């Protein structure tokens, strides 16, 4: 049972047939094949994923989830499979945000429970508006209720091409949240599972298959 949150393209989303698609979906299916498992996908709100994992309602989380010291106290993480680069997204005509020096005094929307929300909360003088979904963050930007939205860069780029947002938003600038990369989460003490998934990830990396998936979904 793998938990995810399906409004996070290109990592995970539902297509016009309501089927789960995306980088994390393909990556986890490839990992499952290597370790001889079949996946039952469980779709839920992002900030419910770790509690569901701890309560053993699911066995793994694959949801563009970033490793953080706080999360690592309650769940186990695989090796990182991607470095987190985030983007500040503004309305198309907004030229007031060009770097981190412009963020102070601004109102920024972010998905609740993400490293982006935590990062914004660590900054002085920033008003943070959390939402359950990134598209709601972007609607807040378009309506003028937030100066920007802060999210993973590949997610932001995916929204730029969607009909609902095309021509209305732009990426103002990108920022790396230092020391944090994306990883798969499972419960502490699941050492055998952790080793198996890490070995499968390494095989996918060594064979070039992981890079091919990144090229497919992120470029």
Protein backbone atom coordinates (compact mmCIF):
# COMPACT_ATOMS: atom_id res chain seq x y z
CA UNK A 1 0.00 0.00 0.00
CA UNK A 2 1.66 3.16 -1.26
CA UNK A 3 0.28 6.54 -0.23
CA UNK A 4 0.32 9.48 -2.62
CA UNK A 5 -1.47 12.78 -3.30
CA UNK A 6 -2.72 13.06 -6.86
CA UNK A 7 -2.71 16.82 -7.49
CA UNK A 8 1.06 17.18 -7.82
CA UNK A 9 1.97 16.99 -11.50
CA UNK A 10 4.35 15.81 -12.89
CA UNK A 11 5.10 13.65 -9.82
CA UNK A 12 1.56 12.29 -9.43
CA UNK A 13 -1.76 13.28 -10.97
CA UNK A 14 -4.88 11.78 -12.51
CA UNK A 15 -5.37 11.77 -16.27
CA UNK A 16 -8.66 12.26 -18.13
CA UNK A 17 -9.49 8.61 -17.38
CA UNK A 18 -8.91 9.25 -13.65
CA UNK A 19 -5.86 6.97 -13.69
CA UNK A 20 -2.79 7.78 -11.61
CA UNK A 21 0.14 8.94 -13.71
CA UNK A 22 3.45 10.67 -13.11
CA UNK A 23 7.12 10.26 -12.24
CA UNK A 24 6.62 8.86 -8.73
CA UNK A 25 3.99 6.43 -10.02
CA UNK A 26 6.29 5.04 -12.72
CA UNK A 27 9.27 4.96 -10.37
CA UNK A 28 7.40 3.06 -7.65
CA UNK A 29 5.95 0.59 -10.15
CA UNK A 30 9.48 -0.08 -11.42
CA UNK A 31 10.73 -0.55 -7.84
CA UNK A 32 7.83 -2.88 -7.01
CA UNK A 33 8.63 -5.01 -10.05
CA UNK A 34 12.25 -5.34 -8.94
CA UNK A 35 11.35 -6.40 -5.38
CA UNK A 36 8.50 -8.70 -6.43
CA UNK A 37 5.57 -6.68 -5.06
CA UNK A 38 2.30 -5.36 -6.43
CA UNK A 39 1.19 -1.85 -5.49
CA UNK A 40 -2.14 -0.81 -4.07
CA UNK A 41 -2.21 2.98 -4.44
CA UNK A 42 -3.87 5.01 -1.68
CA UNK A 43 -4.70 8.61 -2.63
CA UNK A 44 -5.07 11.12 0.23
CA UNK A 45 -4.30 14.69 1.32
CA UNK A 46 -0.57 15.38 1.50
CA UNK A 47 -0.50 16.27 5.20
CA UNK A 48 -2.30 13.00 6.04
CA UNK A 49 0.38 10.81 4.43
CA UNK A 50 2.90 10.53 7.28
CA UNK A 51 0.20 10.07 9.96
CA UNK A 52 -1.32 7.28 7.83
CA UNK A 53 2.11 5.70 7.48
CA UNK A 54 2.77 5.83 11.23
CA UNK A 55 -0.69 4.34 11.86
CA UNK A 56 0.21 1.55 9.38
CA UNK A 57 -2.73 2.31 7.10
CA UNK A 58 -0.15 2.42 4.31
CA UNK A 59 3.34 0.88 3.95
CA UNK A 60 5.18 3.50 1.91
CA UNK A 61 4.83 7.12 0.80
CA UNK A 62 5.76 8.19 -2.74
CA UNK A 63 4.50 11.73 -3.16
CA UNK A 64 7.30 14.12 -4.02
CA UNK A 65 8.11 13.94 -0.31
CA UNK A 66 11.28 15.71 0.83
CA UNK A 67 13.59 14.35 3.51
CA UNK A 68 13.76 16.66 6.53
CA UNK A 69 15.35 16.13 9.97
CA UNK A 70 11.92 16.50 11.59
CA UNK A 71 10.28 13.87 9.39
CA UNK A 72 13.27 11.54 9.80
CA UNK A 73 12.53 11.36 13.53
CA UNK A 74 9.21 9.59 12.87
CA UNK A 75 9.67 7.74 9.55
CA UNK A 76 12.52 6.11 7.64
CA UNK A 77 13.64 7.46 4.28
CA UNK A 78 15.33 5.87 1.30
CA UNK A 79 18.28 7.53 -0.38
CA UNK A 80 17.24 10.71 -2.19
CA UNK A 81 16.15 10.22 -5.76
CA UNK A 82 16.03 13.93 -6.65
CA UNK A 83 17.34 17.25 -5.30
CA UNK A 84 14.56 19.68 -4.39
CA UNK A 85 14.49 22.85 -6.46
CA UNK A 86 11.50 25.06 -5.70
CA UNK A 87 9.94 27.97 -7.59
CA UNK A 88 8.17 31.16 -6.66
CA UNK A 89 5.22 31.59 -9.00
CA UNK A 90 3.63 34.99 -9.50
CA UNK A 91 0.88 36.48 -11.64
CA UNK A 92 2.05 37.13 -15.20
CA UNK A 93 2.25 40.92 -14.79
CA UNK A 94 3.95 40.89 -11.39
CA UNK A 95 7.57 42.07 -11.45
CA UNK A 96 8.04 42.63 -7.71
CA UNK A 97 9.73 39.26 -6.93
CA UNK A 98 13.11 38.65 -8.51
CA UNK A 99 15.03 36.99 -5.67
CA UNK A 100 14.93 36.06 -2.00
CA UNK A 101 15.58 39.67 -1.05
CA UNK A 102 12.13 40.57 -2.36
CA UNK A 103 10.19 37.99 -0.33
CA UNK A 104 10.06 39.88 2.97
CA UNK A 105 6.72 41.63 3.49
CA UNK A 106 5.00 39.43 0.92
CA UNK A 107 2.11 36.99 1.26
CA UNK A 108 3.07 33.59 -0.13
CA UNK A 109 0.79 30.58 -0.65
CA UNK A 110 2.08 27.01 -0.24
CA UNK A 111 0.69 23.50 0.03
CA UNK A 112 0.08 22.56 3.67
CA UNK A 113 2.59 20.15 5.17
CA UNK A 114 5.28 20.64 2.52
CA UNK A 115 8.90 21.64 2.96
CA UNK A 116 8.03 24.80 1.04
CA UNK A 117 5.53 25.79 3.75
CA UNK A 118 8.07 25.00 6.49
CA UNK A 119 10.77 26.99 4.68
CA UNK A 120 8.50 30.03 4.32
CA UNK A 121 7.57 29.82 8.01
CA UNK A 122 11.28 29.98 8.86
CA UNK A 123 11.65 33.35 7.11
CA UNK A 124 11.13 36.69 8.84
CA UNK A 125 8.41 39.01 7.61
CA UNK A 126 6.61 36.54 5.32
CA UNK A 127 2.89 35.88 5.60
CA UNK A 128 2.24 32.23 4.73
CA UNK A 129 -1.14 31.06 3.41
CA UNK A 130 -1.41 27.23 3.41
CA UNK A 131 -3.77 25.32 1.12
CA UNK A 132 -4.44 21.62 0.61
CA UNK A 133 -3.65 21.76 -3.13
CA UNK A 134 -1.17 23.66 -5.26
CA UNK A 135 -3.80 24.68 -7.79
CA UNK A 136 -5.62 26.48 -4.96
CA UNK A 137 -2.35 28.30 -4.18
CA UNK A 138 -2.15 29.44 -7.79
CA UNK A 139 -5.78 30.58 -7.84
CA UNK A 140 -4.93 32.72 -4.82
CA UNK A 141 -2.10 34.29 -6.80
CA UNK A 142 -4.27 34.95 -9.86
CA UNK A 143 -6.99 36.54 -7.72
CA UNK A 144 -4.42 38.85 -6.11
CA UNK A 145 -4.91 37.39 -2.62
CA UNK A 146 -1.26 36.21 -2.52
CA UNK A 147 1.86 37.75 -4.04
CA UNK A 148 3.26 34.37 -5.02
CA UNK A 149 2.97 30.61 -4.58
CA UNK A 150 5.98 28.48 -3.61
CA UNK A 151 6.21 24.88 -4.85
CA UNK A 152 8.51 22.33 -6.48
CA UNK A 153 9.86 23.70 -9.75
CA UNK A 154 8.73 20.74 -11.91
CA UNK A 155 5.23 21.12 -10.45
CA UNK A 156 5.20 24.84 -11.21
CA UNK A 157 6.31 24.22 -14.79
CA UNK A 158 3.57 21.63 -15.22
CA UNK A 159 0.91 24.13 -14.12
CA UNK A 160 2.24 26.76 -16.56
CA UNK A 161 1.06 24.57 -19.43
CA UNK A 162 -2.41 23.87 -18.08
CA UNK A 163 -5.29 25.68 -19.80
CA UNK A 164 -6.62 27.07 -16.52
CA UNK A 165 -3.33 28.82 -15.73
CA UNK A 166 -1.66 29.37 -19.11
CA UNK A 167 -0.75 33.02 -19.65
CA UNK A 168 -1.87 33.97 -16.13
CA UNK A 169 1.17 32.90 -14.10
CA UNK A 170 4.94 32.79 -14.47
CA UNK A 171 7.96 31.48 -12.57
CA UNK A 172 9.54 34.52 -10.91
CA UNK A 173 12.67 32.66 -9.74
CA UNK A 174 13.84 29.29 -8.42
CA UNK A 175 15.38 28.48 -5.06
CA UNK A 176 17.07 25.34 -3.71
CA UNK A 177 15.99 24.40 -0.21
CA UNK A 178 19.42 23.36 1.04
CA UNK A 179 20.05 19.80 2.12
CA UNK A 180 16.65 18.44 1.22
CA UNK A 181 15.95 15.94 -1.52
CA UNK A 182 13.00 13.78 -2.43
CA UNK A 183 12.81 10.28 -1.02
CA UNK A 184 10.41 7.41 -0.38
CA UNK A 185 9.22 7.06 3.21
CA UNK A 186 8.34 3.99 5.29
CA UNK A 187 8.05 3.20 8.97
CA UNK A 188 11.07 3.10 11.26
CA UNK A 189 12.26 -0.44 11.85
CA UNK A 190 11.33 -1.66 8.35
CA UNK A 191 15.00 -2.38 7.68
CA UNK A 192 14.45 -5.21 5.21
CA UNK A 193 12.00 -3.18 3.13
CA UNK A 194 14.25 -0.12 3.27
CA UNK A 195 17.23 -2.11 2.02
CA UNK A 196 15.19 -3.69 -0.78
CA UNK A 197 13.80 -0.35 -1.99
CA UNK A 198 17.22 1.35 -1.76
CA UNK A 199 18.80 -1.48 -3.77
CA UNK A 200 16.06 -1.21 -6.41
CA UNK A 201 16.54 2.58 -6.59
CA UNK A 202 20.28 2.10 -7.05
CA UNK A 203 19.67 -0.42 -9.85
CA UNK A 204 17.29 2.02 -11.58
CA UNK A 205 19.92 4.74 -11.28
CA UNK A 206 22.81 2.55 -12.48
CA UNK A 207 20.85 1.29 -15.49
CA UNK A 208 19.82 4.77 -16.58
CA UNK A 209 16.13 3.97 -16.18
CA UNK A 210 15.68 6.59 -13.44
CA UNK A 211 17.23 9.25 -15.67
CA UNK A 212 14.91 8.23 -18.53
CA UNK A 213 11.90 8.66 -16.23
CA UNK A 214 13.13 12.11 -15.19
CA UNK A 215 13.63 13.07 -18.82
CA UNK A 216 10.13 11.87 -19.67
CA UNK A 217 8.35 13.70 -16.88
CA UNK A 218 10.47 16.78 -16.14
CA UNK A 219 11.56 18.02 -19.57
